[in-house]
N, C-alpha and C. Protein backbone atom coordinates (compact mmCIF):
# COMPACT_ATOMS: atom_id res chain seq x y z
N MET A 1 138.06 8.03 -85.44
CA MET A 1 137.03 9.02 -85.69
C MET A 1 137.01 9.41 -87.16
N ASP A 2 135.84 9.53 -87.70
CA ASP A 2 135.75 9.96 -89.09
C ASP A 2 135.55 11.48 -89.17
N ALA A 3 135.59 11.99 -90.40
CA ALA A 3 135.51 13.44 -90.61
C ALA A 3 134.15 14.00 -90.20
N LYS A 4 133.10 13.19 -90.31
CA LYS A 4 131.76 13.68 -89.98
C LYS A 4 131.63 14.00 -88.49
N SER A 5 132.31 13.27 -87.64
CA SER A 5 132.20 13.54 -86.22
C SER A 5 132.93 14.81 -85.81
N GLN A 6 133.82 15.31 -86.64
CA GLN A 6 134.55 16.54 -86.34
C GLN A 6 133.79 17.78 -86.77
N ARG A 7 132.84 17.68 -87.67
CA ARG A 7 132.14 18.84 -88.20
C ARG A 7 131.36 19.64 -87.16
N PRO A 8 130.57 19.02 -86.29
CA PRO A 8 129.82 19.85 -85.33
C PRO A 8 130.72 20.70 -84.45
N LYS A 9 131.86 20.17 -84.05
CA LYS A 9 132.77 20.94 -83.21
C LYS A 9 133.27 22.16 -83.98
N GLY A 10 133.62 21.99 -85.24
CA GLY A 10 134.07 23.10 -86.06
C GLY A 10 132.99 24.14 -86.27
N ARG A 11 131.77 23.69 -86.46
CA ARG A 11 130.65 24.62 -86.62
C ARG A 11 130.40 25.38 -85.34
N ASP A 12 130.49 24.69 -84.21
CA ASP A 12 130.29 25.37 -82.94
C ASP A 12 131.36 26.42 -82.72
N ASN A 13 132.60 26.11 -83.11
CA ASN A 13 133.67 27.08 -82.98
C ASN A 13 133.42 28.28 -83.89
N THR A 14 132.90 28.04 -85.08
CA THR A 14 132.62 29.13 -86.01
C THR A 14 131.52 30.02 -85.46
N VAL A 15 130.48 29.42 -84.93
CA VAL A 15 129.37 30.21 -84.36
C VAL A 15 129.86 30.98 -83.14
N SER A 16 130.68 30.34 -82.32
CA SER A 16 131.22 31.03 -81.15
C SER A 16 132.10 32.21 -81.56
N ALA A 17 132.91 32.03 -82.59
CA ALA A 17 133.76 33.12 -83.08
C ALA A 17 132.91 34.25 -83.65
N LEU A 18 131.85 33.91 -84.37
CA LEU A 18 130.96 34.95 -84.90
C LEU A 18 130.26 35.69 -83.77
N ASN A 19 129.82 34.97 -82.75
CA ASN A 19 129.19 35.62 -81.59
C ASN A 19 130.16 36.58 -80.90
N ALA A 20 131.40 36.16 -80.74
CA ALA A 20 132.40 37.01 -80.10
C ALA A 20 132.67 38.26 -80.94
N ALA A 21 132.77 38.08 -82.25
CA ALA A 21 133.01 39.22 -83.13
C ALA A 21 131.84 40.20 -83.12
N ILE A 22 130.63 39.66 -83.12
CA ILE A 22 129.43 40.52 -83.08
C ILE A 22 129.37 41.29 -81.77
N ASP A 23 129.64 40.61 -80.67
CA ASP A 23 129.63 41.28 -79.36
C ASP A 23 130.69 42.37 -79.29
N THR A 24 131.87 42.09 -79.83
CA THR A 24 132.95 43.07 -79.83
C THR A 24 132.59 44.28 -80.68
N LEU A 25 132.00 44.05 -81.84
CA LEU A 25 131.60 45.16 -82.71
C LEU A 25 130.50 45.99 -82.07
N ASN A 26 129.56 45.34 -81.40
CA ASN A 26 128.50 46.09 -80.72
C ASN A 26 129.07 46.94 -79.59
N LEU A 27 130.04 46.41 -78.87
CA LEU A 27 130.70 47.18 -77.82
C LEU A 27 131.46 48.36 -78.42
N ALA A 28 132.17 48.13 -79.51
CA ALA A 28 132.92 49.20 -80.17
C ALA A 28 131.96 50.28 -80.69
N LYS A 29 130.80 49.85 -81.19
CA LYS A 29 129.81 50.82 -81.67
C LYS A 29 129.31 51.69 -80.53
N ASP A 30 129.11 51.10 -79.37
CA ASP A 30 128.64 51.86 -78.21
C ASP A 30 129.70 52.83 -77.69
N ILE A 31 130.96 52.43 -77.78
CA ILE A 31 132.05 53.25 -77.25
C ILE A 31 132.46 54.35 -78.23
N ALA A 32 132.34 54.10 -79.51
CA ALA A 32 132.81 55.05 -80.53
C ALA A 32 132.08 56.39 -80.39
N SER A 33 132.85 57.46 -80.55
CA SER A 33 132.26 58.79 -80.45
C SER A 33 132.07 59.45 -81.81
N ILE A 34 132.62 58.85 -82.86
CA ILE A 34 132.51 59.41 -84.20
C ILE A 34 131.39 58.68 -84.93
N ALA A 35 130.47 59.45 -85.50
CA ALA A 35 129.29 58.87 -86.16
C ALA A 35 129.65 57.90 -87.29
N PRO A 36 130.60 58.22 -88.17
CA PRO A 36 130.93 57.25 -89.23
C PRO A 36 131.45 55.92 -88.67
N ALA A 37 132.20 55.98 -87.57
CA ALA A 37 132.69 54.74 -86.96
C ALA A 37 131.53 53.91 -86.42
N LYS A 38 130.57 54.57 -85.80
CA LYS A 38 129.39 53.86 -85.30
C LYS A 38 128.64 53.19 -86.45
N ALA A 39 128.54 53.88 -87.55
CA ALA A 39 127.84 53.33 -88.72
C ALA A 39 128.57 52.11 -89.27
N VAL A 40 129.88 52.18 -89.34
CA VAL A 40 130.66 51.06 -89.86
C VAL A 40 130.57 49.86 -88.93
N PHE A 41 130.74 50.09 -87.62
CA PHE A 41 130.65 48.98 -86.67
C PHE A 41 129.27 48.34 -86.70
N GLY A 42 128.24 49.15 -86.79
CA GLY A 42 126.88 48.62 -86.85
C GLY A 42 126.62 47.82 -88.12
N THR A 43 127.12 48.31 -89.24
CA THR A 43 126.93 47.62 -90.51
C THR A 43 127.65 46.28 -90.54
N VAL A 44 128.88 46.27 -90.07
CA VAL A 44 129.64 45.02 -90.04
C VAL A 44 129.00 44.03 -89.08
N SER A 45 128.47 44.51 -87.98
CA SER A 45 127.79 43.65 -87.03
C SER A 45 126.56 43.01 -87.67
N ILE A 46 125.82 43.79 -88.42
CA ILE A 46 124.63 43.25 -89.12
C ILE A 46 125.04 42.22 -90.16
N ILE A 47 126.11 42.47 -90.88
CA ILE A 47 126.59 41.51 -91.89
C ILE A 47 127.00 40.20 -91.21
N LEU A 48 127.73 40.29 -90.11
CA LEU A 48 128.14 39.07 -89.41
C LEU A 48 126.95 38.31 -88.83
N THR A 49 125.96 39.04 -88.36
CA THR A 49 124.75 38.40 -87.85
C THR A 49 124.02 37.65 -88.98
N THR A 50 123.98 38.26 -90.14
CA THR A 50 123.36 37.62 -91.31
C THR A 50 124.12 36.35 -91.69
N ILE A 51 125.44 36.42 -91.66
CA ILE A 51 126.25 35.24 -91.96
C ILE A 51 126.00 34.14 -90.94
N LYS A 52 125.92 34.52 -89.67
CA LYS A 52 125.68 33.53 -88.61
C LYS A 52 124.33 32.84 -88.79
N VAL A 53 123.29 33.62 -89.05
CA VAL A 53 121.96 33.04 -89.24
C VAL A 53 121.94 32.15 -90.47
N SER A 54 122.58 32.59 -91.55
CA SER A 54 122.63 31.77 -92.77
C SER A 54 123.37 30.47 -92.51
N LEU A 55 124.45 30.54 -91.76
CA LEU A 55 125.21 29.33 -91.42
C LEU A 55 124.35 28.37 -90.61
N LEU A 56 123.64 28.90 -89.62
CA LEU A 56 122.80 28.04 -88.80
C LEU A 56 121.66 27.42 -89.61
N LEU A 57 121.10 28.19 -90.53
CA LEU A 57 120.05 27.63 -91.38
C LEU A 57 120.62 26.59 -92.33
N PHE A 58 121.81 26.84 -92.85
CA PHE A 58 122.41 25.94 -93.82
C PHE A 58 122.75 24.60 -93.19
N VAL A 59 123.25 24.60 -92.00
CA VAL A 59 123.63 23.32 -91.37
C VAL A 59 122.46 22.67 -90.68
N GLY A 60 121.32 23.34 -90.63
CA GLY A 60 120.11 22.72 -90.11
C GLY A 60 119.98 22.71 -88.61
N ARG A 61 120.73 23.55 -87.92
CA ARG A 61 120.63 23.59 -86.47
C ARG A 61 119.52 24.53 -86.00
N LEU A 62 119.02 25.34 -86.89
CA LEU A 62 117.96 26.26 -86.55
C LEU A 62 116.81 26.00 -87.52
N SER A 63 115.66 25.68 -87.01
CA SER A 63 114.54 25.41 -87.90
C SER A 63 113.60 26.61 -87.91
N ILE A 64 113.06 26.89 -89.07
CA ILE A 64 112.12 28.00 -89.21
C ILE A 64 110.76 27.59 -88.67
N VAL A 65 110.37 26.36 -88.94
CA VAL A 65 109.07 25.85 -88.50
C VAL A 65 109.30 24.97 -87.28
N ASP A 66 108.66 25.31 -86.18
CA ASP A 66 108.82 24.50 -84.95
C ASP A 66 107.79 23.41 -84.89
């Protein structure tokens, strides 16, 4: 196997890890009772979502034009 065949699996793992982190942060935001904590969890969730979308656009798995 060459290195190119290993890349999609690594990307899928990265996207899965980002999805898990985003879901966890959203859950923490819902559970948190302190307003600053909710703001931090929400902000970090948005940043991770932006990273995920950028990653998907960069590797070409998500097309803007259908």
